[in-house]
């Protein structure tokens, strides 16, 4: 049957005054939510979840491999650390005593300055947006990845013409030192304060002063973490040394570190959310 107003047809079995027809119309949504919008909402909620810190220490332990990689190759090529700032502070002190005898103290001072600046930036970023939020961790490690890749590209195009203070040395040194602080800040965000990924002296002290150092493998998790950290850093240092002595050089260590950063980013993507917590809240 044709509608009187000419805008289509109406069901011949129902009339405009049919109460059941009005009921069905009132129960029907005016605008159905698109599937793409629902997927976007689910993704947004997923990214805003706080991740479960259980076993997250494994990510921090993997970061020790990255530290060993970068520091061993950087010390061999650039003569200064990019992560462990204790050695750089010693180099800086020696340079201040005899500043004209070399330039290593300037490179070490650059590394210290950008590591401190990075700690300021990463810590405030985590603190402002929630330390354990999934997207915050993803953004942090993505930024670290970009900085490492940028440093690797600069090293690749370096013509090695000029002194030790040329920009092709100072800029990648600063970039890598800046990103190293992100790993250290993550240990605070995940509440594994001992696993900074840049310090071993305190770990050695705490490990060998632990009264339960000889406890069973499953009876002392903190001891296990402290024991694994120097072993993994040593592993990274060996790999970094191999790269530094090869034709690939420092760039090989940087690209390897970038690959490990990608592994960490994908791991955070699928890490389980923190239980018993409403992760769907909006900030």
Protein backbone atom coordinates (compact mmCIF):
# COMPACT_ATOMS: atom_id res chain seq x y z
CA UNK A 1 0.00 0.00 0.00
CA UNK A 2 1.34 3.40 -0.97
CA UNK A 3 1.84 6.00 1.72
CA UNK A 4 -0.47 9.00 1.39
CA UNK A 5 2.43 11.42 1.50
CA UNK A 6 4.31 9.63 -1.30
CA UNK A 7 7.49 8.80 0.79
CA UNK A 8 7.27 5.02 0.45
CA UNK A 9 5.01 2.18 1.46
CA UNK A 10 3.57 0.96 4.68
CA UNK A 11 2.91 -2.61 5.71
CA UNK A 12 -0.55 -3.66 4.63
CA UNK A 13 -0.95 -5.75 7.78
CA UNK A 14 -0.51 -2.77 10.12
CA UNK A 15 -2.15 0.56 10.43
CA UNK A 16 -0.74 3.87 11.59
CA UNK A 17 -2.75 3.48 14.78
CA UNK A 18 -1.39 -0.01 15.57
CA UNK A 19 -0.02 0.22 19.17
CA UNK A 20 2.40 -2.68 18.63
CA UNK A 21 3.93 -0.83 15.68
CA UNK A 22 4.53 2.24 17.87
CA UNK A 23 6.09 0.03 20.55
CA UNK A 24 8.51 -1.50 18.08
CA UNK A 25 9.44 1.92 16.76
CA UNK A 26 10.12 3.27 20.26
CA UNK A 27 12.39 0.33 21.09
CA UNK A 28 14.48 0.73 17.91
CA UNK A 29 17.57 2.94 18.25
CA UNK A 30 17.50 6.09 16.16
CA UNK A 31 21.14 5.71 15.15
CA UNK A 32 22.91 2.35 15.27
CA UNK A 33 26.52 2.61 16.46
CA UNK A 34 28.90 1.72 13.61
CA UNK A 35 31.10 -1.33 14.06
CA UNK A 36 34.20 0.75 13.42
CA UNK A 37 33.19 3.06 16.27
CA UNK A 38 32.72 0.10 18.61
CA UNK A 39 36.15 -1.27 17.65
CA UNK A 40 37.67 2.15 18.24
CA UNK A 41 36.08 2.32 21.68
CA UNK A 42 37.37 -1.14 22.61
CA UNK A 43 40.87 -0.23 21.41
CA UNK A 44 40.78 3.00 23.40
CA UNK A 45 39.74 1.13 26.55
CA UNK A 46 42.42 -1.49 25.93
CA UNK A 47 45.16 1.13 25.60
CA UNK A 48 43.98 2.84 28.79
CA UNK A 49 44.34 -0.31 30.88
CA UNK A 50 46.98 -0.48 33.57
CA UNK A 51 49.21 -3.44 32.82
CA UNK A 52 49.77 -6.19 35.38
CA UNK A 53 53.24 -5.73 36.88
CA UNK A 54 53.52 -9.46 37.59
CA UNK A 55 56.47 -10.80 35.57
CA UNK A 56 57.09 -7.32 34.16
CA UNK A 57 60.55 -7.59 35.68
CA UNK A 58 61.41 -9.76 32.66
CA UNK A 59 61.12 -6.67 30.45
CA UNK A 60 63.45 -4.76 32.75
CA UNK A 61 65.94 -7.63 32.71
CA UNK A 62 65.89 -7.60 28.91
CA UNK A 63 66.72 -3.91 29.14
CA UNK A 64 69.99 -4.87 30.83
CA UNK A 65 71.01 -6.60 27.61
CA UNK A 66 70.32 -3.34 25.76
CA UNK A 67 72.38 -1.41 28.29
CA UNK A 68 75.32 -3.77 27.90
CA UNK A 69 75.06 -3.57 24.12
CA UNK A 70 75.08 0.20 23.98
CA UNK A 71 77.57 0.92 26.75
CA UNK A 72 80.26 -1.51 25.65
CA UNK A 73 80.18 -0.35 22.05
CA UNK A 74 79.90 3.34 23.02
CA UNK A 75 82.88 3.17 25.37
CA UNK A 76 84.92 1.42 22.71
CA UNK A 77 84.00 3.87 19.91
CA UNK A 78 83.15 7.14 21.69
CA UNK A 79 85.11 6.70 24.92
CA UNK A 80 82.12 7.36 27.19
CA UNK A 81 79.08 5.55 28.56
CA UNK A 82 75.54 6.23 27.38
CA UNK A 83 73.69 4.53 30.24
CA UNK A 84 75.85 3.96 33.33
CA UNK A 85 76.58 7.48 34.49
CA UNK A 86 78.90 6.53 37.37
CA UNK A 87 81.76 5.94 34.94
CA UNK A 88 80.92 9.14 33.10
CA UNK A 89 81.04 11.10 36.35
CA UNK A 90 84.54 9.75 37.01
CA UNK A 91 85.61 10.71 33.46
CA UNK A 92 84.12 14.16 33.99
CA UNK A 93 86.00 14.63 37.24
CA UNK A 94 89.29 13.58 35.65
CA UNK A 95 88.67 15.96 32.77
CA UNK A 96 87.95 18.89 35.03
CA UNK A 97 91.35 18.38 36.67
CA UNK A 98 93.15 18.41 33.30
CA UNK A 99 90.70 19.74 30.71
CA UNK A 100 93.27 20.18 27.95
CA UNK A 101 94.52 16.59 28.00
CA UNK A 102 91.53 15.17 26.14
CA UNK A 103 87.90 15.58 25.19
CA UNK A 104 86.38 12.47 26.76
CA UNK A 105 85.21 14.48 29.74
CA UNK A 106 83.13 16.69 27.42
CA UNK A 107 81.46 13.66 25.84
CA UNK A 108 80.86 12.17 29.29
CA UNK A 109 79.38 15.45 30.50
CA UNK A 110 77.09 15.49 27.46
CA UNK A 111 75.88 11.99 28.26
CA UNK A 112 75.23 12.88 31.90
CA UNK A 113 73.33 16.05 30.97
CA UNK A 114 71.03 14.33 28.49
CA UNK A 115 70.46 11.34 30.75
CA UNK A 116 69.33 13.71 33.49
CA UNK A 117 67.16 15.65 31.05
CA UNK A 118 65.63 12.42 29.82
CA UNK A 119 64.87 11.31 33.38
CA UNK A 120 63.06 14.61 33.93
CA UNK A 121 60.97 14.21 30.77
CA UNK A 122 60.14 10.49 31.05
CA UNK A 123 59.30 10.63 34.75
CA UNK A 124 56.90 13.53 34.31
CA UNK A 125 55.31 11.83 31.32
CA UNK A 126 54.66 8.64 33.30
CA UNK A 127 53.51 10.52 36.36
CA UNK A 128 51.09 12.79 34.48
CA UNK A 129 49.37 10.09 32.39
CA UNK A 130 49.53 7.17 34.91
CA UNK A 131 52.75 5.14 35.28
CA UNK A 132 51.52 1.67 34.28
CA UNK A 133 49.03 2.59 31.57
CA UNK A 134 49.50 0.50 28.46
CA UNK A 135 49.64 3.35 25.97
CA UNK A 136 52.05 5.26 28.20
CA UNK A 137 54.50 2.36 28.21
CA UNK A 138 54.06 1.91 24.47
CA UNK A 139 54.69 5.61 23.87
CA UNK A 140 57.74 5.60 26.13
CA UNK A 141 59.44 2.67 24.41
CA UNK A 142 58.39 3.91 20.97
CA UNK A 143 60.14 7.20 21.72
CA UNK A 144 63.21 5.28 22.86
CA UNK A 145 63.11 3.28 19.64
CA UNK A 146 62.94 6.40 17.48
CA UNK A 147 65.91 7.94 19.29
CA UNK A 148 68.02 4.79 18.89
CA UNK A 149 67.16 4.57 15.18
CA UNK A 150 68.02 8.24 14.70
CA UNK A 151 71.38 7.67 16.39
CA UNK A 152 72.03 4.61 14.20
CA UNK A 153 71.31 6.58 11.03
CA UNK A 154 73.68 9.37 12.07
CA UNK A 155 76.41 6.86 12.84
CA UNK A 156 75.92 5.27 9.42
CA UNK A 157 76.33 8.59 7.58
CA UNK A 158 79.26 9.73 9.73
CA UNK A 159 82.23 10.45 7.49
CA UNK A 160 84.56 10.37 10.53
CA UNK A 161 86.10 13.62 9.36
CA UNK A 162 86.90 15.98 12.19
CA UNK A 163 87.64 15.64 15.87
CA UNK A 164 85.98 13.70 18.66
CA UNK A 165 83.56 16.56 19.27
CA UNK A 166 81.97 16.60 15.83
CA UNK A 167 78.18 16.60 15.75
CA UNK A 168 78.11 13.05 14.35
CA UNK A 169 79.44 11.95 17.74
CA UNK A 170 77.77 14.33 20.19
CA UNK A 171 74.24 14.15 18.74
CA UNK A 172 73.86 10.34 18.70
CA UNK A 173 75.59 10.18 22.10
CA UNK A 174 73.01 12.61 23.48
CA UNK A 175 70.09 10.76 21.85
CA UNK A 176 71.10 7.37 23.22
CA UNK A 177 71.78 8.75 26.71
CA UNK A 178 68.37 10.46 26.68
CA UNK A 179 66.54 7.24 25.77
CA UNK A 180 68.49 5.21 28.33
CA UNK A 181 66.83 7.19 31.08
CA UNK A 182 63.46 5.92 29.83
CA UNK A 183 64.40 2.37 30.79
CA UNK A 184 65.43 3.52 34.27
CA UNK A 185 62.19 5.45 34.76
CA UNK A 186 60.18 2.39 33.69
CA UNK A 187 61.61 0.45 36.63
CA UNK A 188 60.10 3.09 38.94
CA UNK A 189 56.80 3.05 37.07
CA UNK A 190 56.53 -0.73 37.44
CA UNK A 191 57.73 -0.60 41.07
CA UNK A 192 60.86 -2.67 40.52
CA UNK A 193 63.16 0.00 41.88
CA UNK A 194 66.23 -2.23 42.04
CA UNK A 195 66.12 -3.03 38.32
CA UNK A 196 67.06 0.36 36.90
CA UNK A 197 68.94 -1.31 34.00
CA UNK A 198 71.75 1.24 34.39
CA UNK A 199 73.29 0.40 37.80
CA UNK A 200 75.00 -2.77 38.98
CA UNK A 201 77.00 -1.73 42.06
CA UNK A 202 73.97 -1.63 44.36
CA UNK A 203 72.71 -4.91 42.86
CA UNK A 204 76.01 -6.64 43.65
CA UNK A 205 75.86 -5.30 47.20
CA UNK A 206 72.23 -6.32 47.75
CA UNK A 207 72.76 -9.71 46.14
CA UNK A 208 75.69 -10.82 48.25
CA UNK A 209 74.34 -9.31 51.46
CA UNK A 210 71.03 -11.14 51.05
CA UNK A 211 70.61 -13.54 54.01
CA UNK A 212 68.64 -15.87 51.72
CA UNK A 213 71.16 -15.89 48.91
CA UNK A 214 71.36 -19.70 49.02
CA UNK A 215 67.60 -20.24 49.18
CA UNK A 216 65.90 -22.43 46.59
CA UNK A 217 65.29 -21.11 43.10
CA UNK A 218 61.58 -20.54 43.75
CA UNK A 219 62.01 -19.16 47.26
CA UNK A 220 63.73 -15.82 46.61
CA UNK A 221 62.50 -13.89 43.59
CA UNK A 222 64.42 -10.74 44.48
CA UNK A 223 67.67 -12.71 44.64
CA UNK A 224 66.90 -14.21 41.24
CA UNK A 225 66.41 -10.76 39.68
CA UNK A 226 69.61 -9.43 41.18
CA UNK A 227 71.56 -12.44 39.96
CA UNK A 228 70.14 -12.24 36.44
CA UNK A 229 70.77 -8.51 35.94
CA UNK A 230 74.60 -8.56 35.81
CA UNK A 231 74.62 -11.76 33.75
CA UNK A 232 72.34 -10.20 31.13
CA UNK A 233 74.27 -6.95 31.09
CA UNK A 234 77.48 -8.93 30.61
CA UNK A 235 75.84 -10.80 27.75
CA UNK A 236 74.88 -7.51 26.14
CA UNK A 237 78.38 -6.12 26.69
CA UNK A 238 79.93 -9.13 24.94
CA UNK A 239 77.59 -8.75 21.96
CA UNK A 240 78.25 -5.02 21.84
CA UNK A 241 81.98 -5.64 21.97
CA UNK A 242 81.73 -8.08 19.09
CA UNK A 243 79.85 -5.49 17.04
CA UNK A 244 82.34 -2.76 17.95
CA UNK A 245 85.28 -4.89 16.80
CA UNK A 246 83.53 -5.83 13.55
CA UNK A 247 83.17 -3.88 10.32
CA UNK A 248 79.60 -2.96 11.32
CA UNK A 249 80.81 -1.20 14.44
CA UNK A 250 78.63 0.89 16.69
CA UNK A 251 75.79 0.94 14.16
CA UNK A 252 75.37 -2.82 14.57
CA UNK A 253 74.90 -2.42 18.32
CA UNK A 254 72.38 0.37 17.80
CA UNK A 255 70.31 -1.61 15.30
CA UNK A 256 70.37 -4.63 17.60
CA UNK A 257 69.18 -2.45 20.46
CA UNK A 258 66.42 -1.07 18.21
CA UNK A 259 65.30 -4.62 17.42
CA UNK A 260 65.07 -5.45 21.13
CA UNK A 261 63.06 -2.27 21.69
CA UNK A 262 60.60 -3.45 19.03
CA UNK A 263 60.29 -6.78 20.86
CA UNK A 264 59.48 -4.92 24.07
CA UNK A 265 56.89 -2.72 22.33
CA UNK A 266 55.07 -5.75 20.90
CA UNK A 267 55.23 -7.41 24.30
CA UNK A 268 53.51 -4.44 25.95
CA UNK A 269 50.81 -4.61 23.25
CA UNK A 270 49.72 -8.06 24.43
CA UNK A 271 50.60 -7.88 28.12
CA UNK A 272 47.67 -8.74 30.38
CA UNK A 273 45.87 -5.98 32.25
CA UNK A 274 46.05 -5.45 35.97
CA UNK A 275 43.38 -7.60 37.68
CA UNK A 276 40.64 -6.35 40.01
CA UNK A 277 40.89 -2.82 38.75
CA UNK A 278 38.52 -0.75 36.68
CA UNK A 279 40.68 0.01 33.68
CA UNK A 280 37.87 1.54 31.71
CA UNK A 281 37.81 4.84 33.54
CA UNK A 282 38.36 8.00 31.56
CA UNK A 283 40.90 10.56 32.64
